[in-house]
Amino acid sequence: LLLQEESNVSDNASIHFIENELQAWEDMYIQLRNRLEIHNHNEVLSFGKANYLAMNAETHHGRLSAFSSFTEALEKEKAVFASVLNHIGRLRNLKSNLLQEEEVLSQSLQTNGISKNALLEMWNAIERNVEKLSRVIMFHKRSKETFTWHDLMTLEENHQIHIPFSMAIENIYDALKDIDEELAQFAKCAIMNGWVDAAPRDNKPPSGFCAPFLSEGESRISLRYDGTIDSVRILAHELGHAWHFYIMSNEQSTAFLDDYLPMSMAESASIFFEMVLVDYVVKTAESEELKKSLLSWKIRNSFNYVMAIRASFQFEQTFYEESQKGPISADKLERLSIHSQQVAYGNSLTEYQPFVWMKYGQFYTANVPFYNYPYTFGYLLSLGLLEIAKQDGSKFHPKYKGFLSETGKRPVEELVKQYFHIELNDNKFWEKSLLQINKDIGEYLELVQKEV
């Protein structure tokens, strides 16, 4: 017994050491990324600015130029980034072995309150739908020699709508009001009370961020609002996080206050707000042309959740398996990344996103392996919850609040079953959520084929 206790103490010390090492390598990644200089024509761009311009520059030429320059800069630095990622892979596998886990994924699933079976049911449902989902890609690809990931994600339709910040607030308010007045008032108060810094400064990342101040029952949100529909979506997403934190601050959940916040719940809360907004703006589009543009954007956003994130998950899982054999070269990491995208997109594109494993900081996050699948989970769950909200009317909101208030107290699988009678181990739920995306695709193709 004494030897066992000594062994446990030794293991705990080793785990603590590994966690510190992981943090050091995450810091190294951030430093390398921040020092990266991207030369684009006569301008030197930061990592964040290059990434932003590659997807959001005003002209097709501007986007393509920034994307090419960004890719060239990453190509030159791939060896050092590969070295950092290899150290992280080695340490994660060591930690997993010390915890006597079957794989690195095990701890993540436990933290998120999801069984491996439920996760597999979700991925399998997506796999069964890849061909249907790819119909949009095949439509855009017709009669073209090449149609790349970058072509797909920067289709011109995404750049035709400019939304002033005041209109963004109005849209979010009206959308949430359809679910419940309390949600709408919360979002309005958060903005009116100065919780949101939306200035589009160059040093801000493309995505948003929400920081809770639990004792005050408040949050602070930062995002780069640029008038695109996507920045309205990000604002709604972060307000969803703020609402979740607000519910938690009222609840005083010990699990939550001890920094235990399952990503599965966090992303379900934020993406639900996002889906409510997206559904509303498509539904209230004033013209067929606007509706077509919004549907195109909505579908491509769904591809991020069910294709790009699936590819990230598959890459990460393969990476940890391969890491057990020793360090992996930068070129092999890139091959693994491209292969995972080919599978996720059903081989429907002629080129895929280069150097995802360098661009996505989530792979380097010290204390959170698999910082990916909870987004897909939250997205598909939110699609299901939105349908329930439409059916249940005023009965939905109290259930939704109750669901969020139990964050961290019980596994999310138990909570969705209790509050919404959803069985996550049943592929019928996942198929039903994916049907919503396929309906959008059908409607979009009907609109665009009128023009062909």
Foldseek 3Di string as FASTA:
>chain_A
DVVVVVLVVVLVVLLVVLLVVLVVLLVVLVVVQQPQWFDQPPDTAHNQLLVCQLQPPQDPVRNVSSQVSNLVSCVVVLFVLLVSLLSLLVSLQVNCVSVVHPFSCVVLCVLQLHDPLLLVLLLVLLLVCLVLLLPVLLVVCPPPPFQEPSNLSRPPLQNPFFAPPVRLLVLLLVLVVQLPNVLSVLSVCCVVVQQEDADQDSPDHQAKDWADDLLVLFIHIYHHDDRTVVRSLRSQLRSLLSVLSSLQSVLVDVQVVVVRFNLLLSLLSSVLSSVSSLVRCLVPPPDLSNNLSSLSNVSVVLCCLQQVLQLVLQLLRVVSVVSVVPRDGSVVSQVSSFVSNCSSNVVSGPYYRTPPVSSDSQSSPSPRHSPGNSNSSSNLVSLLLVVVSVVVPNVSVVLVSVLSNCGSVHRNQVSCCVSPVDHSSDSVSSNVSVVVSSVSVVVSCVSVVVVD
